[in-house]
N, C-alpha and C. Protein backbone atom coordinates (compact mmCIF):
# COMPACT_ATOMS: atom_id res chain seq x y z
N MET A 1 -114.47 -102.11 -139.07
CA MET A 1 -115.71 -101.45 -139.37
C MET A 1 -116.62 -101.49 -138.14
N ARG A 2 -117.23 -100.34 -137.84
CA ARG A 2 -118.10 -100.22 -136.67
C ARG A 2 -119.45 -100.87 -136.96
N GLN A 3 -119.86 -101.69 -136.01
CA GLN A 3 -121.12 -102.39 -136.18
C GLN A 3 -122.25 -101.59 -135.53
N THR A 4 -123.34 -101.41 -136.23
CA THR A 4 -124.48 -100.70 -135.65
C THR A 4 -125.50 -101.72 -135.19
N HIS A 5 -126.11 -101.41 -134.07
CA HIS A 5 -127.12 -102.29 -133.50
C HIS A 5 -128.49 -101.73 -133.82
N PRO A 6 -129.41 -102.58 -134.17
CA PRO A 6 -130.77 -102.08 -134.44
C PRO A 6 -131.38 -101.52 -133.15
N LYS A 7 -132.24 -100.55 -133.33
CA LYS A 7 -132.93 -99.95 -132.19
C LYS A 7 -133.77 -101.02 -131.50
N VAL A 8 -133.59 -101.13 -130.19
CA VAL A 8 -134.27 -102.16 -129.42
C VAL A 8 -135.66 -101.71 -128.99
N GLY A 9 -135.78 -100.48 -128.54
CA GLY A 9 -137.06 -100.02 -128.02
C GLY A 9 -137.26 -98.54 -128.28
N THR A 10 -138.22 -97.99 -127.57
CA THR A 10 -138.55 -96.57 -127.70
C THR A 10 -137.83 -95.80 -126.60
N GLU A 11 -137.10 -94.76 -126.99
CA GLU A 11 -136.34 -93.97 -126.01
C GLU A 11 -137.28 -93.16 -125.13
N VAL A 12 -136.90 -93.07 -123.85
CA VAL A 12 -137.68 -92.32 -122.87
C VAL A 12 -136.76 -91.29 -122.23
N TYR A 13 -137.20 -90.03 -122.24
CA TYR A 13 -136.42 -88.93 -121.67
C TYR A 13 -137.24 -88.25 -120.58
N LEU A 14 -136.54 -87.77 -119.57
CA LEU A 14 -137.16 -86.91 -118.56
C LEU A 14 -136.68 -85.50 -118.86
N ASN A 15 -137.61 -84.61 -119.20
CA ASN A 15 -137.28 -83.21 -119.44
C ASN A 15 -137.54 -82.43 -118.16
N VAL A 16 -136.52 -81.72 -117.70
CA VAL A 16 -136.57 -81.00 -116.42
C VAL A 16 -136.48 -79.51 -116.69
N TYR A 17 -137.31 -78.76 -115.97
CA TYR A 17 -137.42 -77.31 -116.16
C TYR A 17 -137.23 -76.60 -114.82
N ASP A 18 -136.58 -75.44 -114.86
CA ASP A 18 -136.45 -74.60 -113.68
C ASP A 18 -137.73 -73.79 -113.49
N LEU A 19 -138.23 -73.76 -112.26
CA LEU A 19 -139.38 -72.93 -111.93
C LEU A 19 -138.96 -71.62 -111.29
N THR A 20 -137.67 -71.51 -110.96
CA THR A 20 -137.15 -70.29 -110.36
C THR A 20 -135.68 -70.12 -110.75
N ASP A 21 -135.23 -68.88 -110.77
CA ASP A 21 -133.83 -68.60 -111.07
C ASP A 21 -132.90 -69.08 -109.96
N TYR A 22 -133.44 -69.29 -108.77
CA TYR A 22 -132.61 -69.76 -107.64
C TYR A 22 -132.06 -71.16 -107.89
N ASN A 23 -132.65 -71.88 -108.82
CA ASN A 23 -132.15 -73.22 -109.12
C ASN A 23 -130.71 -73.20 -109.59
N SER A 24 -130.25 -72.08 -110.14
CA SER A 24 -128.85 -71.98 -110.56
C SER A 24 -127.92 -72.24 -109.38
N TYR A 25 -128.35 -71.86 -108.20
CA TYR A 25 -127.55 -72.06 -106.99
C TYR A 25 -127.89 -73.39 -106.33
N LEU A 26 -129.15 -73.75 -106.33
CA LEU A 26 -129.62 -74.93 -105.60
C LEU A 26 -129.28 -76.24 -106.30
N TYR A 27 -129.17 -76.23 -107.62
CA TYR A 27 -128.93 -77.44 -108.40
C TYR A 27 -127.67 -78.17 -107.94
N ASN A 28 -126.62 -77.42 -107.65
CA ASN A 28 -125.34 -78.03 -107.28
C ASN A 28 -125.36 -78.74 -105.94
N ILE A 29 -126.38 -78.45 -105.13
CA ILE A 29 -126.49 -79.16 -103.85
C ILE A 29 -127.66 -80.16 -103.87
N GLY A 30 -128.14 -80.46 -105.07
CA GLY A 30 -129.18 -81.47 -105.23
C GLY A 30 -130.55 -81.03 -104.78
N PHE A 31 -130.84 -79.76 -104.98
CA PHE A 31 -132.11 -79.21 -104.52
C PHE A 31 -132.62 -78.24 -105.57
N GLY A 32 -133.88 -77.91 -105.52
CA GLY A 32 -134.43 -76.92 -106.43
C GLY A 32 -135.92 -77.10 -106.62
N PHE A 33 -136.49 -76.19 -107.37
CA PHE A 33 -137.92 -76.19 -107.65
C PHE A 33 -138.07 -76.47 -109.15
N TYR A 34 -138.56 -77.66 -109.47
CA TYR A 34 -138.56 -78.13 -110.85
C TYR A 34 -139.94 -78.56 -111.33
N HIS A 35 -140.11 -78.45 -112.64
CA HIS A 35 -141.23 -79.07 -113.35
C HIS A 35 -140.60 -80.15 -114.21
N SER A 36 -141.32 -81.24 -114.42
CA SER A 36 -140.80 -82.28 -115.31
C SER A 36 -141.90 -82.87 -116.17
N GLY A 37 -141.47 -83.44 -117.27
CA GLY A 37 -142.36 -84.15 -118.18
C GLY A 37 -141.59 -85.30 -118.80
N VAL A 38 -142.30 -86.31 -119.24
CA VAL A 38 -141.67 -87.49 -119.84
C VAL A 38 -141.88 -87.43 -121.35
N GLU A 39 -140.77 -87.51 -122.07
CA GLU A 39 -140.82 -87.46 -123.54
C GLU A 39 -140.71 -88.87 -124.11
N VAL A 40 -141.71 -89.22 -124.91
CA VAL A 40 -141.76 -90.52 -125.58
C VAL A 40 -142.27 -90.28 -127.00
N ASN A 41 -141.57 -90.82 -127.98
CA ASN A 41 -141.99 -90.68 -129.38
C ASN A 41 -142.23 -89.24 -129.80
N GLY A 42 -141.39 -88.33 -129.31
CA GLY A 42 -141.50 -86.93 -129.72
C GLY A 42 -142.63 -86.15 -129.09
N VAL A 43 -143.28 -86.71 -128.07
CA VAL A 43 -144.36 -86.03 -127.35
C VAL A 43 -143.99 -86.01 -125.88
N GLU A 44 -144.23 -84.87 -125.23
CA GLU A 44 -143.95 -84.76 -123.80
C GLU A 44 -145.26 -84.86 -123.02
N TYR A 45 -145.26 -85.75 -122.03
CA TYR A 45 -146.43 -85.96 -121.17
C TYR A 45 -146.12 -85.40 -119.79
N SER A 46 -147.05 -84.61 -119.27
CA SER A 46 -146.86 -84.04 -117.94
C SER A 46 -148.22 -83.94 -117.25
N PHE A 47 -148.20 -83.43 -116.05
CA PHE A 47 -149.41 -83.32 -115.23
C PHE A 47 -149.50 -81.90 -114.70
N GLY A 48 -150.70 -81.32 -114.80
CA GLY A 48 -150.89 -79.95 -114.33
C GLY A 48 -152.24 -79.76 -113.67
N GLU A 49 -152.34 -78.67 -112.95
CA GLU A 49 -153.53 -78.37 -112.17
C GLU A 49 -154.78 -78.24 -113.03
N GLY A 50 -154.68 -77.61 -114.16
CA GLY A 50 -155.88 -77.41 -114.97
C GLY A 50 -156.17 -78.56 -115.91
N CYS A 51 -155.13 -79.12 -116.51
CA CYS A 51 -155.33 -80.09 -117.60
C CYS A 51 -155.28 -81.54 -117.17
N GLY A 52 -154.78 -81.82 -116.00
CA GLY A 52 -154.55 -83.22 -115.64
C GLY A 52 -153.35 -83.71 -116.43
N VAL A 53 -153.47 -84.88 -117.04
CA VAL A 53 -152.38 -85.40 -117.88
C VAL A 53 -152.44 -84.67 -119.22
N CYS A 54 -151.34 -84.02 -119.57
CA CYS A 54 -151.28 -83.18 -120.78
C CYS A 54 -150.23 -83.73 -121.74
N GLU A 55 -150.43 -83.43 -123.00
CA GLU A 55 -149.44 -83.73 -124.04
C GLU A 55 -148.95 -82.41 -124.59
N GLY A 56 -147.64 -82.33 -124.86
CA GLY A 56 -147.12 -81.08 -125.38
C GLY A 56 -145.86 -81.28 -126.19
N VAL A 57 -145.35 -80.15 -126.65
CA VAL A 57 -144.11 -80.12 -127.42
C VAL A 57 -142.95 -80.28 -126.44
N PRO A 58 -142.04 -81.20 -126.68
CA PRO A 58 -140.92 -81.39 -125.77
C PRO A 58 -140.07 -80.13 -125.60
N LYS A 59 -139.63 -79.92 -124.38
CA LYS A 59 -138.70 -78.85 -124.01
C LYS A 59 -139.28 -77.46 -124.19
N ASP A 60 -140.60 -77.34 -124.12
CA ASP A 60 -141.26 -76.05 -124.32
C ASP A 60 -142.44 -75.93 -123.36
N VAL A 61 -142.19 -75.37 -122.18
CA VAL A 61 -143.23 -75.21 -121.17
C VAL A 61 -143.33 -73.73 -120.82
N ILE A 62 -144.53 -73.19 -120.91
CA ILE A 62 -144.75 -71.79 -120.56
C ILE A 62 -144.53 -71.60 -119.07
N GLY A 63 -143.78 -70.57 -118.71
CA GLY A 63 -143.55 -70.25 -117.30
C GLY A 63 -142.41 -71.01 -116.66
N ALA A 64 -141.68 -71.79 -117.43
CA ALA A 64 -140.54 -72.53 -116.90
C ALA A 64 -139.42 -72.50 -117.93
N ARG A 65 -138.20 -72.58 -117.43
CA ARG A 65 -137.03 -72.56 -118.32
C ARG A 65 -136.45 -73.97 -118.41
N PHE A 66 -136.29 -74.47 -119.63
CA PHE A 66 -135.74 -75.81 -119.83
C PHE A 66 -134.35 -75.89 -119.23
N ARG A 67 -134.11 -76.93 -118.43
CA ARG A 67 -132.80 -77.14 -117.81
C ARG A 67 -132.05 -78.27 -118.50
N GLU A 68 -132.66 -79.46 -118.58
CA GLU A 68 -131.95 -80.60 -119.14
C GLU A 68 -132.91 -81.71 -119.54
N SER A 69 -132.41 -82.56 -120.41
CA SER A 69 -133.13 -83.75 -120.83
C SER A 69 -132.29 -84.95 -120.42
N ILE A 70 -132.88 -85.82 -119.63
CA ILE A 70 -132.15 -86.98 -119.10
C ILE A 70 -132.66 -88.24 -119.82
N HIS A 71 -131.75 -88.91 -120.51
CA HIS A 71 -132.12 -90.16 -121.18
C HIS A 71 -132.21 -91.24 -120.10
N LEU A 72 -133.42 -91.76 -119.89
CA LEU A 72 -133.63 -92.74 -118.83
C LEU A 72 -133.53 -94.18 -119.33
N GLY A 73 -133.61 -94.36 -120.63
CA GLY A 73 -133.51 -95.70 -121.18
C GLY A 73 -134.46 -95.90 -122.34
N GLU A 74 -134.60 -97.16 -122.71
CA GLU A 74 -135.51 -97.52 -123.80
C GLU A 74 -136.52 -98.52 -123.26
N THR A 75 -137.77 -98.30 -123.62
CA THR A 75 -138.82 -99.23 -123.23
C THR A 75 -139.08 -100.19 -124.39
N ASN A 76 -139.35 -101.42 -124.05
CA ASN A 76 -139.68 -102.42 -125.07
C ASN A 76 -141.18 -102.48 -125.34
N LYS A 77 -141.92 -101.58 -124.72
CA LYS A 77 -143.38 -101.55 -124.91
C LYS A 77 -143.71 -101.05 -126.32
N THR A 78 -144.78 -101.58 -126.87
CA THR A 78 -145.26 -101.11 -128.17
C THR A 78 -145.92 -99.74 -127.98
N ASN A 79 -146.17 -99.05 -129.08
CA ASN A 79 -146.86 -97.75 -128.98
C ASN A 79 -148.22 -97.89 -128.32
N GLU A 80 -148.90 -98.98 -128.60
CA GLU A 80 -150.21 -99.23 -127.98
C GLU A 80 -150.06 -99.42 -126.47
N GLU A 81 -149.04 -100.15 -126.05
CA GLU A 81 -148.80 -100.36 -124.62
C GLU A 81 -148.39 -99.06 -123.93
N ILE A 82 -147.63 -98.23 -124.63
CA ILE A 82 -147.24 -96.92 -124.07
C ILE A 82 -148.49 -96.08 -123.85
N THR A 83 -149.36 -96.04 -124.85
CA THR A 83 -150.61 -95.28 -124.73
C THR A 83 -151.46 -95.81 -123.57
N LYS A 84 -151.53 -97.12 -123.42
CA LYS A 84 -152.29 -97.72 -122.31
C LYS A 84 -151.69 -97.33 -120.96
N ALA A 85 -150.36 -97.31 -120.88
CA ALA A 85 -149.69 -96.94 -119.63
C ALA A 85 -150.03 -95.50 -119.25
N ILE A 86 -150.00 -94.61 -120.23
CA ILE A 86 -150.34 -93.20 -119.99
C ILE A 86 -151.80 -93.08 -119.59
N ASP A 87 -152.67 -93.73 -120.34
CA ASP A 87 -154.11 -93.68 -120.05
C ASP A 87 -154.44 -94.27 -118.68
N SER A 88 -153.68 -95.26 -118.25
CA SER A 88 -153.95 -95.87 -116.95
C SER A 88 -153.66 -94.91 -115.80
N LEU A 89 -152.83 -93.89 -116.05
CA LEU A 89 -152.51 -92.91 -115.01
C LEU A 89 -153.51 -91.76 -114.97
N ARG A 90 -154.26 -91.56 -116.03
CA ARG A 90 -155.19 -90.42 -116.10
C ARG A 90 -156.19 -90.37 -114.94
N PRO A 91 -156.81 -91.47 -114.53
CA PRO A 91 -157.76 -91.39 -113.41
C PRO A 91 -157.11 -90.95 -112.09
N ARG A 92 -155.85 -91.29 -111.88
CA ARG A 92 -155.14 -90.89 -110.65
C ARG A 92 -154.63 -89.47 -110.74
N TYR A 93 -154.46 -88.95 -111.93
CA TYR A 93 -153.89 -87.62 -112.14
C TYR A 93 -154.87 -86.72 -112.88
N ARG A 94 -155.98 -86.43 -112.23
CA ARG A 94 -156.96 -85.49 -112.78
C ARG A 94 -156.55 -84.09 -112.35
N GLY A 95 -156.87 -83.10 -113.16
CA GLY A 95 -156.48 -81.72 -112.88
C GLY A 95 -156.90 -81.24 -111.51
N GLU A 96 -158.11 -81.61 -111.08
CA GLU A 96 -158.61 -81.14 -109.77
C GLU A 96 -157.91 -81.83 -108.60
N ASP A 97 -157.14 -82.89 -108.87
CA ASP A 97 -156.42 -83.59 -107.80
C ASP A 97 -155.01 -83.05 -107.60
N TYR A 98 -154.62 -82.07 -108.41
CA TYR A 98 -153.25 -81.54 -108.34
C TYR A 98 -152.96 -80.99 -106.95
N ASN A 99 -151.78 -81.28 -106.45
CA ASN A 99 -151.32 -80.77 -105.17
C ASN A 99 -149.82 -80.52 -105.32
N MET A 100 -149.38 -79.30 -105.06
CA MET A 100 -147.97 -78.93 -105.29
C MET A 100 -147.00 -79.86 -104.57
N ILE A 101 -147.43 -80.41 -103.45
CA ILE A 101 -146.51 -81.19 -102.63
C ILE A 101 -146.72 -82.69 -102.79
N LEU A 102 -147.96 -83.13 -102.74
CA LEU A 102 -148.24 -84.56 -102.67
C LEU A 102 -148.59 -85.22 -104.00
N LYS A 103 -149.06 -84.45 -104.97
CA LYS A 103 -149.42 -85.02 -106.28
C LYS A 103 -149.16 -83.96 -107.34
N ASN A 104 -147.91 -83.89 -107.78
CA ASN A 104 -147.50 -82.85 -108.72
C ASN A 104 -146.96 -83.47 -110.01
N CYS A 105 -146.45 -82.62 -110.88
CA CYS A 105 -145.93 -83.08 -112.17
C CYS A 105 -144.80 -84.09 -112.02
N ASN A 106 -143.98 -83.91 -110.99
CA ASN A 106 -142.85 -84.82 -110.79
C ASN A 106 -143.32 -86.19 -110.30
N ASN A 107 -144.37 -86.22 -109.49
CA ASN A 107 -144.95 -87.51 -109.09
C ASN A 107 -145.47 -88.26 -110.31
N PHE A 108 -146.15 -87.52 -111.20
CA PHE A 108 -146.65 -88.13 -112.43
C PHE A 108 -145.49 -88.67 -113.28
N SER A 109 -144.46 -87.85 -113.47
CA SER A 109 -143.30 -88.29 -114.27
C SER A 109 -142.69 -89.55 -113.68
N ASN A 110 -142.60 -89.59 -112.37
CA ASN A 110 -142.04 -90.76 -111.69
C ASN A 110 -142.90 -92.00 -111.95
N ASP A 111 -144.21 -91.86 -111.81
CA ASP A 111 -145.11 -93.00 -112.03
C ASP A 111 -145.08 -93.47 -113.48
N LEU A 112 -145.00 -92.53 -114.42
CA LEU A 112 -144.95 -92.92 -115.83
C LEU A 112 -143.63 -93.63 -116.15
N CYS A 113 -142.53 -93.15 -115.59
CA CYS A 113 -141.24 -93.82 -115.83
C CYS A 113 -141.23 -95.22 -115.22
N LYS A 114 -141.85 -95.38 -114.06
CA LYS A 114 -141.95 -96.72 -113.46
C LYS A 114 -142.78 -97.64 -114.36
N ALA A 115 -143.86 -97.11 -114.94
CA ALA A 115 -144.72 -97.92 -115.81
C ALA A 115 -144.01 -98.30 -117.12
N LEU A 116 -143.21 -97.39 -117.65
CA LEU A 116 -142.56 -97.64 -118.94
C LEU A 116 -141.23 -98.37 -118.82
N LEU A 117 -140.46 -98.04 -117.77
CA LEU A 117 -139.10 -98.55 -117.66
C LEU A 117 -138.82 -99.36 -116.39
N GLY A 118 -139.71 -99.22 -115.41
CA GLY A 118 -139.46 -99.89 -114.13
C GLY A 118 -138.45 -99.17 -113.26
N ILE A 119 -138.18 -97.88 -113.57
CA ILE A 119 -137.23 -97.10 -112.76
C ILE A 119 -137.87 -95.78 -112.34
N GLU A 120 -137.28 -95.17 -111.31
CA GLU A 120 -137.76 -93.88 -110.83
C GLU A 120 -136.91 -92.75 -111.40
N ILE A 121 -137.47 -91.54 -111.35
CA ILE A 121 -136.73 -90.37 -111.82
C ILE A 121 -135.67 -90.01 -110.78
N PRO A 122 -134.65 -89.23 -111.15
CA PRO A 122 -133.63 -88.82 -110.18
C PRO A 122 -134.26 -88.08 -108.99
N GLY A 123 -133.77 -88.36 -107.80
CA GLY A 123 -134.35 -87.83 -106.57
C GLY A 123 -134.38 -86.32 -106.47
N TYR A 124 -133.38 -85.64 -107.03
CA TYR A 124 -133.33 -84.19 -106.86
C TYR A 124 -134.52 -83.48 -107.50
N VAL A 125 -135.15 -84.11 -108.50
CA VAL A 125 -136.23 -83.45 -109.25
C VAL A 125 -137.42 -83.13 -108.35
N ASN A 126 -137.74 -83.99 -107.41
CA ASN A 126 -138.90 -83.77 -106.55
C ASN A 126 -138.51 -83.66 -105.07
N ARG A 127 -137.23 -83.46 -104.79
CA ARG A 127 -136.76 -83.40 -103.41
C ARG A 127 -137.42 -82.27 -102.62
N CYS A 128 -137.61 -81.13 -103.25
CA CYS A 128 -138.23 -79.99 -102.56
C CYS A 128 -139.62 -80.36 -102.06
N ALA A 129 -140.43 -80.97 -102.92
CA ALA A 129 -141.79 -81.37 -102.52
C ALA A 129 -141.74 -82.45 -101.45
N TYR A 130 -140.78 -83.36 -101.56
CA TYR A 130 -140.65 -84.42 -100.56
C TYR A 130 -140.39 -83.82 -99.18
N ILE A 131 -139.46 -82.89 -99.11
CA ILE A 131 -139.17 -82.25 -97.82
C ILE A 131 -140.37 -81.44 -97.35
N ALA A 132 -141.01 -80.73 -98.26
CA ALA A 132 -142.19 -79.94 -97.89
C ALA A 132 -143.34 -80.81 -97.40
N SER A 133 -143.38 -82.08 -97.82
CA SER A 133 -144.48 -82.96 -97.40
C SER A 133 -144.50 -83.15 -95.89
N PHE A 134 -143.36 -82.96 -95.23
CA PHE A 134 -143.33 -83.06 -93.78
C PHE A 134 -144.01 -81.86 -93.12
N PHE A 135 -144.21 -80.81 -93.90
CA PHE A 135 -144.85 -79.59 -93.40
C PHE A 135 -146.12 -79.27 -94.19
N SER A 136 -146.72 -80.28 -94.81
CA SER A 136 -147.85 -80.05 -95.72
C SER A 136 -149.04 -79.38 -95.03
N CYS A 137 -149.15 -79.53 -93.72
CA CYS A 137 -150.26 -78.89 -93.01
C CYS A 137 -150.11 -77.37 -93.00
N CYS A 138 -148.93 -76.88 -93.25
CA CYS A 138 -148.65 -75.44 -93.20
C CYS A 138 -148.53 -74.80 -94.58
N ILE A 139 -148.58 -75.61 -95.64
CA ILE A 139 -148.33 -75.11 -96.99
C ILE A 139 -149.58 -75.32 -97.83
N PRO A 140 -150.00 -74.31 -98.60
CA PRO A 140 -151.19 -74.51 -99.44
C PRO A 140 -150.93 -75.57 -100.50
N SER A 141 -151.98 -76.29 -100.89
CA SER A 141 -151.82 -77.38 -101.85
C SER A 141 -151.72 -76.87 -103.29
N THR A 142 -152.26 -75.68 -103.54
CA THR A 142 -152.18 -75.08 -104.88
C THR A 142 -151.90 -73.60 -104.73
N ARG A 143 -151.53 -72.98 -105.85
CA ARG A 143 -151.38 -71.53 -105.85
C ARG A 143 -152.76 -70.94 -105.78
N ASP A 144 -152.94 -69.89 -105.02
CA ASP A 144 -154.24 -69.22 -104.92
C ASP A 144 -154.29 -68.13 -105.96
N GLU A 145 -155.01 -68.39 -107.06
CA GLU A 145 -155.09 -67.43 -108.17
C GLU A 145 -155.75 -66.12 -107.74
N ASP A 146 -156.63 -66.17 -106.72
CA ASP A 146 -157.32 -64.97 -106.27
C ASP A 146 -156.44 -64.08 -105.41
N ASP A 147 -155.35 -64.63 -104.93
CA ASP A 147 -154.45 -63.85 -104.09
C ASP A 147 -153.75 -62.79 -104.92
N GLU A 148 -154.03 -61.55 -104.63
CA GLU A 148 -153.34 -60.47 -105.31
C GLU A 148 -152.05 -60.20 -104.56
N PRO A 149 -150.99 -59.90 -105.28
CA PRO A 149 -149.75 -59.60 -104.57
C PRO A 149 -149.93 -58.35 -103.73
N LEU A 150 -149.33 -58.37 -102.56
CA LEU A 150 -149.42 -57.21 -101.70
C LEU A 150 -148.57 -56.08 -102.28
N PRO A 151 -149.04 -54.84 -102.14
CA PRO A 151 -148.22 -53.74 -102.63
C PRO A 151 -146.93 -53.67 -101.82
N ALA A 152 -145.87 -53.27 -102.48
CA ALA A 152 -144.60 -53.14 -101.78
C ALA A 152 -144.72 -52.02 -100.75
N SER A 153 -144.24 -52.30 -99.57
CA SER A 153 -144.29 -51.30 -98.51
C SER A 153 -143.11 -50.34 -98.68
N ARG A 154 -143.42 -49.06 -98.68
CA ARG A 154 -142.36 -48.06 -98.79
C ARG A 154 -141.99 -47.61 -97.39
N PHE A 155 -140.72 -47.62 -97.11
CA PHE A 155 -140.28 -47.17 -95.79
C PHE A 155 -140.42 -45.66 -95.72
N GLN A 156 -141.17 -45.19 -94.71
CA GLN A 156 -141.42 -43.76 -94.58
C GLN A 156 -141.17 -43.30 -93.15
N GLY A 157 -140.10 -43.60 -92.62
CA GLY A 157 -139.94 -43.13 -91.25
C GLY A 157 -138.63 -43.52 -90.66
N LYS A 158 -138.68 -43.75 -89.39
CA LYS A 158 -137.47 -44.05 -88.64
C LYS A 158 -137.42 -45.53 -88.31
N GLY A 159 -136.26 -46.02 -88.07
CA GLY A 159 -136.12 -47.40 -87.63
C GLY A 159 -136.58 -47.53 -86.20
N ASN A 160 -137.04 -48.69 -85.82
CA ASN A 160 -137.50 -48.94 -84.46
C ASN A 160 -136.62 -50.00 -83.82
N ARG A 161 -136.59 -49.97 -82.53
CA ARG A 161 -135.85 -51.00 -81.81
C ARG A 161 -136.64 -52.30 -81.83
N LEU A 162 -135.95 -53.41 -81.75
CA LEU A 162 -136.58 -54.71 -81.71
C LEU A 162 -137.58 -54.76 -80.57
N GLY A 163 -138.80 -55.17 -80.86
CA GLY A 163 -139.83 -55.28 -79.83
C GLY A 163 -140.70 -54.05 -79.71
N SER A 164 -140.35 -52.95 -80.40
CA SER A 164 -141.20 -51.76 -80.29
C SER A 164 -142.42 -51.96 -81.17
N SER A 165 -143.52 -51.30 -80.85
CA SER A 165 -144.76 -51.48 -81.61
C SER A 165 -145.10 -50.25 -82.44
N ASP A 166 -144.16 -49.39 -82.66
CA ASP A 166 -144.40 -48.18 -83.45
C ASP A 166 -144.65 -48.57 -84.91
N GLN A 167 -145.82 -48.22 -85.46
CA GLN A 167 -146.22 -48.60 -86.81
C GLN A 167 -146.04 -47.47 -87.82
N HIS A 168 -145.38 -46.38 -87.46
CA HIS A 168 -145.28 -45.24 -88.38
C HIS A 168 -144.46 -45.56 -89.63
N GLY A 169 -143.64 -46.60 -89.61
CA GLY A 169 -142.80 -46.93 -90.76
C GLY A 169 -143.52 -47.73 -91.83
N VAL A 170 -144.75 -48.18 -91.59
CA VAL A 170 -145.48 -48.99 -92.56
C VAL A 170 -146.56 -48.12 -93.17
N ASP A 171 -146.59 -48.01 -94.51
CA ASP A 171 -147.55 -47.10 -95.12
C ASP A 171 -148.99 -47.63 -95.03
N ALA A 172 -149.95 -46.73 -95.13
CA ALA A 172 -151.36 -47.04 -94.93
C ALA A 172 -151.88 -48.01 -95.99
N GLU A 173 -151.41 -47.89 -97.23
CA GLU A 173 -151.88 -48.78 -98.31
C GLU A 173 -151.53 -50.23 -97.99
N TYR A 174 -150.34 -50.44 -97.48
CA TYR A 174 -149.90 -51.79 -97.13
C TYR A 174 -150.73 -52.33 -95.97
N GLN A 175 -150.96 -51.51 -94.95
CA GLN A 175 -151.76 -51.94 -93.80
C GLN A 175 -153.18 -52.31 -94.24
N ARG A 176 -153.78 -51.51 -95.11
CA ARG A 176 -155.13 -51.79 -95.59
C ARG A 176 -155.17 -53.12 -96.36
N ALA A 177 -154.18 -53.34 -97.22
CA ALA A 177 -154.11 -54.59 -97.99
C ALA A 177 -153.98 -55.79 -97.05
N MET A 178 -153.21 -55.66 -96.01
CA MET A 178 -153.04 -56.75 -95.04
C MET A 178 -154.36 -57.04 -94.33
N ARG A 179 -155.10 -55.99 -93.93
CA ARG A 179 -156.39 -56.20 -93.25
C ARG A 179 -157.38 -56.88 -94.19
N LEU A 180 -157.46 -56.44 -95.46
CA LEU A 180 -158.37 -57.05 -96.42
C LEU A 180 -158.03 -58.52 -96.66
N LYS A 181 -156.76 -58.81 -96.76
CA LYS A 181 -156.33 -60.19 -96.97
C LYS A 181 -156.71 -61.06 -95.77
N ALA A 182 -156.55 -60.53 -94.56
CA ALA A 182 -156.90 -61.28 -93.35
C ALA A 182 -158.40 -61.53 -93.28
N MET A 183 -159.21 -60.57 -93.75
CA MET A 183 -160.66 -60.73 -93.70
C MET A 183 -161.14 -61.77 -94.72
N LYS A 184 -160.42 -61.95 -95.82
CA LYS A 184 -160.79 -62.94 -96.84
C LYS A 184 -160.70 -64.36 -96.29
N ARG A 185 -159.79 -64.57 -95.39
CA ARG A 185 -159.53 -65.93 -94.89
C ARG A 185 -160.44 -66.27 -93.81
């Protein structure tokens, strides 16, 4: 007869989401652009630019496709201690402090897992931001909501040789949008 063991603690899961379709190719080499949240007691905790530390429905994030749920272990903390651990991270993870590279959802997930289990999340989840941190001076810290996408340039002419300055192949609408964007900065 199979013996069942009583539940020791509260299960902790890392829910990982794809932020781009390119992850289908990048995942196999341990790279990609991911969002993550930590699921405890049927609630998913994550960090975002507007909300800071957020609570949500597990495996359901707007703008991202669920990839996988990783069982990280069981915490022996009581529900009260779990709540205290989450609340202790709120001052460090305020919405206005969000930074895509240096303080993102994956950093929060990592810190919460360390607080609950004493372990870190798998490296591939935040590897892209880690590598980008070496170039953080060149990368914006947040998405610029005011940035309108540039109109697609329609090719209307002849090809030019490398190094030529002939601009007849770039339409006027695109050139105007580029000038306006440059003046905003």
